Amino acid sequence: MPPFRAAEPLDSLRPAESSPGGPVLLGRSAEGRIQLRTAEGIAVRSRGPYALDGVALHLGAVGGRPVVVGFGPDAAPWVWRP
């Protein structure tokens, strides 16, 4: 098998940016909280249970706001509307 070759140099990679088409789910902060980049800036989910793996960003929600959903450590679902 040939060695892995990156499509572009690693120094050319930039942080995720929100696009005119919608927000970007960034993942977790250093404290383990979910982060979402929007046109207004970075929103951090600071309340509620810590999210387990597998959070999802849903676009096209009522009012045009993004919605992030996931499960807490007790397997209870939660919804975050930043």
PDB file of N, CA and C in Angstrom:
ATOM      1  N   MET A   1       0.844  -1.164   0.000  1.00  0.00           N
ATOM      2  CA  MET A   1       0.000   0.000   0.000  1.00  0.00           C
ATOM      3  C   MET A   1       0.899   1.240   0.000  1.00  0.00           C
ATOM      4  N   PRO A   2       0.613   2.233  -0.859  1.00  0.00           N
ATOM      5  CA  PRO A   2       1.438   3.437  -0.901  1.00  0.00           C
ATOM      6  C   PRO A   2       1.241   4.279   0.360  1.00  0.00           C
ATOM      7  N   PRO A   3       2.229   5.088   0.716  1.00  0.00           N
ATOM      8  CA  PRO A   3       2.100   5.921   1.917  1.00  0.00           C
ATOM      9  C   PRO A   3       0.992   6.963   1.736  1.00  0.00           C
ATOM     10  N   PHE A   4       0.423   7.408   2.864  1.00  0.00           N
ATOM     11  CA  PHE A   4      -0.625   8.424   2.831  1.00  0.00           C
ATOM     12  C   PHE A   4      -0.043   9.747   2.347  1.00  0.00           C
ATOM     13  N   ARG A   5      -0.774  10.416   1.450  1.00  0.00           N
ATOM     14  CA  ARG A   5      -0.356  11.728   0.952  1.00  0.00           C
ATOM     15  C   ARG A   5      -1.502  12.696   1.182  1.00  0.00           C
ATOM     16  N   ALA A   6      -1.219  13.775   1.871  1.00  0.00           N
ATOM     17  CA  ALA A   6      -2.242  14.786   2.146  1.00  0.00           C
ATOM     18  C   ALA A   6      -2.621  15.504   0.858  1.00  0.00           C
ATOM     19  N   ALA A   7      -3.885  15.905   0.760  1.00  0.00           N
ATOM     20  CA  ALA A   7      -4.363  16.618  -0.426  1.00  0.00           C
ATOM     21  C   ALA A   7      -3.775  18.018  -0.511  1.00  0.00           C
ATOM     22  N   GLU A   8      -3.447  18.600   0.632  1.00  0.00           N
ATOM     23  CA  GLU A   8      -2.820  19.921   0.670  1.00  0.00           C
ATOM     24  C   GLU A   8      -1.891  19.972   1.868  1.00  0.00           C
ATOM     25  N   PRO A   9      -0.919  20.882   1.864  1.00  0.00           N
ATOM     26  CA  PRO A   9       0.018  20.956   2.999  1.00  0.00           C
ATOM     27  C   PRO A   9      -0.725  21.261   4.304  1.00  0.00           C
ATOM     28  N   LEU A  10      -0.277  20.670   5.391  1.00  0.00           N
ATOM     29  CA  LEU A  10      -0.941  20.865   6.674  1.00  0.00           C
ATOM     30  C   LEU A  10      -0.921  22.316   7.125  1.00  0.00           C
ATOM     31  N   ASP A  11       0.114  23.080   6.751  1.00  0.00           N
ATOM     32  CA  ASP A  11       0.167  24.476   7.172  1.00  0.00           C
ATOM     33  C   ASP A  11      -0.862  25.341   6.443  1.00  0.00           C
ATOM     34  N   SER A  12      -1.553  24.798   5.449  1.00  0.00           N
ATOM     35  CA  SER A  12      -2.575  25.564   4.741  1.00  0.00           C
ATOM     36  C   SER A  12      -3.958  25.389   5.344  1.00  0.00           C
ATOM     37  N   LEU A  13      -4.099  24.491   6.334  1.00  0.00           N
ATOM     38  CA  LEU A  13      -5.400  24.261   6.948  1.00  0.00           C
ATOM     39  C   LEU A  13      -5.767  25.428   7.849  1.00  0.00           C
ATOM     40  N   ARG A  14      -7.042  25.830   7.827  1.00  0.00           N
ATOM     41  CA  ARG A  14      -7.524  26.943   8.632  1.00  0.00           C
ATOM     42  C   ARG A  14      -8.636  26.455   9.540  1.00  0.00           C
ATOM     43  N   PRO A  15      -8.918  27.205  10.626  1.00  0.00           N
ATOM     44  CA  PRO A  15     -10.055  26.833  11.470  1.00  0.00           C
ATOM     45  C   PRO A  15     -11.346  26.908  10.677  1.00  0.00           C
ATOM     46  N   ALA A  16     -12.327  26.151  11.109  1.00  0.00           N
ATOM     47  CA  ALA A  16     -13.628  26.161  10.424  1.00  0.00           C
ATOM     48  C   ALA A  16     -14.253  27.542  10.510  1.00  0.00           C
ATOM     49  N   GLU A  17     -14.875  27.963   9.437  1.00  0.00           N
ATOM     50  CA  GLU A  17     -15.554  29.257   9.397  1.00  0.00           C
ATOM     51  C   GLU A  17     -17.016  29.031   9.057  1.00  0.00           C
ATOM     52  N   SER A  18     -17.874  29.891   9.641  1.00  0.00           N
ATOM     53  CA  SER A  18     -19.275  29.777   9.259  1.00  0.00           C
ATOM     54  C   SER A  18     -19.412  30.257   7.828  1.00  0.00           C
ATOM     55  N   SER A  19     -20.362  29.709   7.142  1.00  0.00           N
ATOM     56  CA  SER A  19     -20.564  30.063   5.746  1.00  0.00           C
ATOM     57  C   SER A  19     -21.907  30.749   5.599  1.00  0.00           C
ATOM     58  N   PRO A  20     -22.135  31.388   4.469  1.00  0.00           N
ATOM     59  CA  PRO A  20     -23.454  31.989   4.260  1.00  0.00           C
ATOM     60  C   PRO A  20     -24.565  30.947   4.319  1.00  0.00           C
ATOM     61  N   GLY A  21     -24.226  29.689   4.100  1.00  0.00           N
ATOM     62  CA  GLY A  21     -25.219  28.624   4.130  1.00  0.00           C
ATOM     63  C   GLY A  21     -25.578  28.141   5.512  1.00  0.00           C
ATOM     64  N   GLY A  22     -24.825  28.520   6.542  1.00  0.00           N
ATOM     65  CA  GLY A  22     -25.185  28.075   7.875  1.00  0.00           C
ATOM     66  C   GLY A  22     -24.020  27.966   8.828  1.00  0.00           C
ATOM     67  N   PRO A  23     -24.286  27.532  10.056  1.00  0.00           N
ATOM     68  CA  PRO A  23     -23.269  27.411  11.103  1.00  0.00           C
ATOM     69  C   PRO A  23     -22.415  26.153  10.941  1.00  0.00           C
ATOM     70  N   VAL A  24     -21.372  26.063  11.775  1.00  0.00           N
ATOM     71  CA  VAL A  24     -20.452  24.928  11.762  1.00  0.00           C
ATOM     72  C   VAL A  24     -20.352  24.379  13.179  1.00  0.00           C
ATOM     73  N   LEU A  25     -20.577  23.089  13.341  1.00  0.00           N
ATOM     74  CA  LEU A  25     -20.407  22.431  14.631  1.00  0.00           C
ATOM     75  C   LEU A  25     -18.914  22.167  14.810  1.00  0.00           C
ATOM     76  N   LEU A  26     -18.288  22.836  15.803  1.00  0.00           N
ATOM     77  CA  LEU A  26     -16.841  22.751  15.978  1.00  0.00           C
ATOM     78  C   LEU A  26     -16.395  21.560  16.804  1.00  0.00           C
ATOM     79  N   GLY A  27     -17.261  21.015  17.627  1.00  0.00           N
ATOM     80  CA  GLY A  27     -16.860  19.927  18.508  1.00  0.00           C
ATOM     81  C   GLY A  27     -16.838  20.404  19.940  1.00  0.00           C
ATOM     82  N   ARG A  28     -15.827  20.017  20.698  1.00  0.00           N
ATOM     83  CA  ARG A  28     -15.778  20.326  22.131  1.00  0.00           C
ATOM     84  C   ARG A  28     -14.733  21.384  22.461  1.00  0.00           C
ATOM     85  N   SER A  29     -15.026  22.146  23.516  1.00  0.00           N
ATOM     86  CA  SER A  29     -14.058  23.098  24.051  1.00  0.00           C
ATOM     87  C   SER A  29     -13.053  22.319  24.904  1.00  0.00           C
ATOM     88  N   ALA A  30     -12.065  23.008  25.443  1.00  0.00           N
ATOM     89  CA  ALA A  30     -11.090  22.354  26.321  1.00  0.00           C
ATOM     90  C   ALA A  30     -11.764  21.784  27.574  1.00  0.00           C
ATOM     91  N   GLU A  31     -12.913  22.351  27.956  1.00  0.00           N
ATOM     92  CA  GLU A  31     -13.657  21.885  29.126  1.00  0.00           C
ATOM     93  C   GLU A  31     -14.651  20.786  28.781  1.00  0.00           C
ATOM     94  N   GLY A  32     -14.735  20.390  27.511  1.00  0.00           N
ATOM     95  CA  GLY A  32     -15.624  19.321  27.101  1.00  0.00           C
ATOM     96  C   GLY A  32     -17.009  19.780  26.688  1.00  0.00           C
ATOM     97  N   ARG A  33     -17.226  21.082  26.558  1.00  0.00           N
ATOM     98  CA  ARG A  33     -18.528  21.621  26.178  1.00  0.00           C
ATOM     99  C   ARG A  33     -18.640  21.726  24.661  1.00  0.00           C
ATOM    100  N   ILE A  34     -19.850  21.558  24.130  1.00  0.00           N
ATOM    101  CA  ILE A  34     -20.097  21.624  22.691  1.00  0.00           C
ATOM    102  C   ILE A  34     -19.971  23.070  22.214  1.00  0.00           C
ATOM    103  N   GLN A  35     -19.327  23.267  21.050  1.00  0.00           N
ATOM    104  CA  GLN A  35     -19.137  24.595  20.467  1.00  0.00           C
ATOM    105  C   GLN A  35     -19.757  24.657  19.083  1.00  0.00           C
ATOM    106  N   LEU A  36     -20.333  25.818  18.770  1.00  0.00           N
ATOM    107  CA  LEU A  36     -20.952  26.048  17.479  1.00  0.00           C
ATOM    108  C   LEU A  36     -20.512  27.418  16.985  1.00  0.00           C
ATOM    109  N   ARG A  37     -19.969  27.471  15.757  1.00  0.00           N
ATOM    110  CA  ARG A  37     -19.591  28.762  15.175  1.00  0.00           C
ATOM    111  C   ARG A  37     -20.741  29.240  14.306  1.00  0.00           C
ATOM    112  N   THR A  38     -21.186  30.468  14.570  1.00  0.00           N
ATOM    113  CA  THR A  38     -22.232  31.097  13.771  1.00  0.00           C
ATOM    114  C   THR A  38     -21.679  32.404  13.218  1.00  0.00           C
ATOM    115  N   ALA A  39     -22.480  33.103  12.457  1.00  0.00           N
ATOM    116  CA  ALA A  39     -22.051  34.389  11.919  1.00  0.00           C
ATOM    117  C   ALA A  39     -21.783  35.392  13.036  1.00  0.00           C
ATOM    118  N   GLU A  40     -22.429  35.215  14.201  1.00  0.00           N
ATOM    119  CA  GLU A  40     -22.250  36.127  15.334  1.00  0.00           C
ATOM    120  C   GLU A  40     -21.012  35.808  16.164  1.00  0.00           C
ATOM    121  N   GLY A  41     -20.457  34.617  16.046  1.00  0.00           N
ATOM    122  CA  GLY A  41     -19.296  34.222  16.846  1.00  0.00           C
ATOM    123  C   GLY A  41     -19.406  32.766  17.262  1.00  0.00           C
ATOM    124  N   ILE A  42     -18.704  32.410  18.344  1.00  0.00           N
ATOM    125  CA  ILE A  42     -18.712  31.028  18.832  1.00  0.00           C
ATOM    126  C   ILE A  42     -19.637  30.934  20.039  1.00  0.00           C
ATOM    127  N   ALA A  43     -20.607  30.027  19.957  1.00  0.00           N
ATOM    128  CA  ALA A  43     -21.516  29.749  21.070  1.00  0.00           C
ATOM    129  C   ALA A  43     -21.052  28.467  21.746  1.00  0.00           C
ATOM    130  N   VAL A  44     -21.058  28.452  23.080  1.00  0.00           N
ATOM    131  CA  VAL A  44     -20.640  27.284  23.850  1.00  0.00           C
ATOM    132  C   VAL A  44     -21.802  26.852  24.734  1.00  0.00           C
ATOM    133  N   ARG A  45     -22.141  25.582  24.685  1.00  0.00           N
ATOM    134  CA  ARG A  45     -23.222  25.042  25.527  1.00  0.00           C
ATOM    135  C   ARG A  45     -22.682  24.909  26.939  1.00  0.00           C
ATOM    136  N   SER A  46     -23.043  25.859  27.797  1.00  0.00           N
ATOM    137  CA  SER A  46     -22.470  25.907  29.139  1.00  0.00           C
ATOM    138  C   SER A  46     -23.408  25.356  30.216  1.00  0.00           C
ATOM    139  N   ARG A  47     -24.657  25.045  29.859  1.00  0.00           N
ATOM    140  CA  ARG A  47     -25.598  24.494  30.840  1.00  0.00           C
ATOM    141  C   ARG A  47     -26.046  23.111  30.400  1.00  0.00           C
ATOM    142  N   GLY A  48     -26.539  22.355  31.347  1.00  0.00           N
ATOM    143  CA  GLY A  48     -27.049  21.023  31.031  1.00  0.00           C
ATOM    144  C   GLY A  48     -25.978  19.962  31.173  1.00  0.00           C
ATOM    145  N   PRO A  49     -26.359  18.704  30.964  1.00  0.00           N
ATOM    146  CA  PRO A  49     -25.412  17.604  31.112  1.00  0.00           C
ATOM    147  C   PRO A  49     -24.355  17.623  30.016  1.00  0.00           C
ATOM    148  N   TYR A  50     -23.200  17.073  30.342  1.00  0.00           N
ATOM    149  CA  TYR A  50     -22.172  16.912  29.314  1.00  0.00           C
ATOM    150  C   TYR A  50     -22.689  15.977  28.244  1.00  0.00           C
ATOM    151  N   ALA A  51     -22.328  16.250  27.034  1.00  0.00           N
ATOM    152  CA  ALA A  51     -22.801  15.440  25.914  1.00  0.00           C
ATOM    153  C   ALA A  51     -21.913  14.221  25.724  1.00  0.00           C
ATOM    154  N   LEU A  52     -22.542  13.098  25.462  1.00  0.00           N
ATOM    155  CA  LEU A  52     -21.787  11.934  25.026  1.00  0.00           C
ATOM    156  C   LEU A  52     -21.423  12.127  23.566  1.00  0.00           C
ATOM    157  N   ASP A  53     -20.682  11.213  22.990  1.00  0.00           N
ATOM    158  CA  ASP A  53     -20.319  11.318  21.580  1.00  0.00           C
ATOM    159  C   ASP A  53     -21.558  11.268  20.701  1.00  0.00           C
ATOM    160  N   GLY A  54     -21.441  11.843  19.517  1.00  0.00           N
ATOM    161  CA  GLY A  54     -22.507  11.733  18.545  1.00  0.00           C
ATOM    162  C   GLY A  54     -23.505  12.864  18.539  1.00  0.00           C
ATOM    163  N   VAL A  55     -23.106  14.082  18.922  1.00  0.00           N
ATOM    164  CA  VAL A  55     -24.041  15.202  18.809  1.00  0.00           C
ATOM    165  C   VAL A  55     -24.261  15.520  17.341  1.00  0.00           C
ATOM    166  N   ALA A  56     -25.411  16.106  17.035  1.00  0.00           N
ATOM    167  CA  ALA A  56     -25.750  16.399  15.641  1.00  0.00           C
ATOM    168  C   ALA A  56     -26.286  17.818  15.526  1.00  0.00           C
ATOM    169  N   LEU A  57     -25.922  18.482  14.446  1.00  0.00           N
ATOM    170  CA  LEU A  57     -26.415  19.818  14.131  1.00  0.00           C
ATOM    171  C   LEU A  57     -27.551  19.681  13.129  1.00  0.00           C
ATOM    172  N   HIS A  58     -28.710  20.254  13.464  1.00  0.00           N
ATOM    173  CA  HIS A  58     -29.861  20.235  12.567  1.00  0.00           C
ATOM    174  C   HIS A  58     -30.106  21.646  12.071  1.00  0.00           C
ATOM    175  N   LEU A  59     -30.204  21.809  10.769  1.00  0.00           N
ATOM    176  CA  LEU A  59     -30.470  23.106  10.166  1.00  0.00           C
ATOM    177  C   LEU A  59     -31.912  23.142   9.694  1.00  0.00           C
ATOM    178  N   GLY A  60     -32.418  24.332   9.476  1.00  0.00           N
ATOM    179  CA  GLY A  60     -33.782  24.456   8.966  1.00  0.00           C
ATOM    180  C   GLY A  60     -34.839  24.325  10.039  1.00  0.00           C
ATOM    181  N   ALA A  61     -34.473  24.579  11.278  1.00  0.00           N
ATOM    182  CA  ALA A  61     -35.443  24.487  12.365  1.00  0.00           C
ATOM    183  C   ALA A  61     -36.386  25.692  12.329  1.00  0.00           C
ATOM    184  N   VAL A  62     -37.437  25.615  13.114  1.00  0.00           N
ATOM    185  CA  VAL A  62     -38.405  26.704  13.205  1.00  0.00           C
ATOM    186  C   VAL A  62     -37.683  27.985  13.616  1.00  0.00           C
ATOM    187  N   GLY A  63     -37.964  29.069  12.944  1.00  0.00           N
ATOM    188  CA  GLY A  63     -37.323  30.340  13.254  1.00  0.00           C
ATOM    189  C   GLY A  63     -35.972  30.506  12.599  1.00  0.00           C
ATOM    190  N   GLY A  64     -35.497  29.503  11.879  1.00  0.00           N
ATOM    191  CA  GLY A  64     -34.222  29.598  11.191  1.00  0.00           C
ATOM    192  C   GLY A  64     -32.998  29.437  12.072  1.00  0.00           C
ATOM    193  N   ARG A  65     -33.184  29.150  13.363  1.00  0.00           N
ATOM    194  CA  ARG A  65     -32.041  28.966  14.265  1.00  0.00           C
ATOM    195  C   ARG A  65     -31.523  27.535  14.186  1.00  0.00           C
ATOM    196  N   PRO A  66     -30.215  27.355  14.328  1.00  0.00           N
ATOM    197  CA  PRO A  66     -29.692  25.983  14.353  1.00  0.00           C
ATOM    198  C   PRO A  66     -30.087  25.289  15.653  1.00  0.00           C
ATOM    199  N   VAL A  67     -30.132  23.965  15.617  1.00  0.00           N
ATOM    200  CA  VAL A  67     -30.449  23.154  16.783  1.00  0.00           C
ATOM    201  C   VAL A  67     -29.414  22.048  16.871  1.00  0.00           C
ATOM    202  N   VAL A  68     -28.830  21.877  18.061  1.00  0.00           N
ATOM    203  CA  VAL A  68     -27.881  20.789  18.297  1.00  0.00           C
ATOM    204  C   VAL A  68     -28.554  19.819  19.253  1.00  0.00           C
ATOM    205  N   VAL A  69     -28.503  18.532  18.935  1.00  0.00           N
ATOM    206  CA  VAL A  69     -29.127  17.512  19.773  1.00  0.00           C
ATOM    207  C   VAL A  69     -28.095  16.456  20.155  1.00  0.00           C
ATOM    208  N   GLY A  70     -28.333  15.806  21.288  1.00  0.00           N
ATOM    209  CA  GLY A  70     -27.428  14.755  21.732  1.00  0.00           C
ATOM    210  C   GLY A  70     -28.021  14.015  22.915  1.00  0.00           C
ATOM    211  N   PHE A  71     -27.204  13.182  23.534  1.00  0.00           N
ATOM    212  CA  PHE A  71     -27.616  12.409  24.700  1.00  0.00           C
ATOM    213  C   PHE A  71     -26.672  12.716  25.849  1.00  0.00           C
ATOM    214  N   GLY A  72     -27.226  12.797  27.063  1.00  0.00           N
ATOM    215  CA  GLY A  72     -26.428  12.979  28.264  1.00  0.00           C
ATOM    216  C   GLY A  72     -25.914  11.647  28.772  1.00  0.00           C
ATOM    217  N   PRO A  73     -25.121  11.668  29.859  1.00  0.00           N
ATOM    218  CA  PRO A  73     -24.572  10.428  30.406  1.00  0.00           C
ATOM    219  C   PRO A  73     -25.640   9.456  30.901  1.00  0.00           C
ATOM    220  N   ASP A  74     -26.853   9.983  31.191  1.00  0.00           N
ATOM    221  CA  ASP A  74     -27.946   9.119  31.640  1.00  0.00           C
ATOM    222  C   ASP A  74     -28.808   8.631  30.480  1.00  0.00           C
ATOM    223  N   ALA A  75     -28.344   8.849  29.246  1.00  0.00           N
ATOM    224  CA  ALA A  75     -29.024   8.456  28.012  1.00  0.00           C
ATOM    225  C   ALA A  75     -30.285   9.272  27.741  1.00  0.00           C
ATOM    226  N   ALA A  76     -30.473  10.365  28.483  1.00  0.00           N
ATOM    227  CA  ALA A  76     -31.616  11.244  28.232  1.00  0.00           C
ATOM    228  C   ALA A  76     -31.259  12.208  27.096  1.00  0.00           C
ATOM    229  N   PRO A  77     -32.138  12.372  26.117  1.00  0.00           N
ATOM    230  CA  PRO A  77     -31.853  13.289  25.019  1.00  0.00           C
ATOM    231  C   PRO A  77     -31.939  14.743  25.477  1.00  0.00           C
ATOM    232  N   TRP A  78     -31.179  15.623  24.829  1.00  0.00           N
ATOM    233  CA  TRP A  78     -31.255  17.048  25.099  1.00  0.00           C
ATOM    234  C   TRP A  78     -31.222  17.808  23.766  1.00  0.00           C
ATOM    235  N   VAL A  79     -31.714  19.037  23.812  1.00  0.00           N
ATOM    236  CA  VAL A  79     -31.755  19.923  22.650  1.00  0.00           C
ATOM    237  C   VAL A  79     -31.154  21.257  23.069  1.00  0.00           C
ATOM    238  N   TRP A  80     -30.274  21.799  22.239  1.00  0.00           N
ATOM    239  CA  TRP A  80     -29.656  23.109  22.511  1.00  0.00           C
ATOM    240  C   TRP A  80     -29.931  24.010  21.322  1.00  0.00           C
ATOM    241  N   ARG A  81     -30.536  25.163  21.584  1.00  0.00           N
ATOM    242  CA  ARG A  81     -30.817  26.179  20.567  1.00  0.00           C
ATOM    243  C   ARG A  81     -30.033  27.430  20.922  1.00  0.00           C
ATOM    244  N   PRO A  82     -28.813  27.556  20.438  1.00  0.00           N
ATOM    245  CA  PRO A  82     -28.005  28.732  20.814  1.00  0.00           C
ATOM    246  C   PRO A  82     -28.573  30.025  20.256  1.00  0.00           C
TER     247      PRO A  82
END
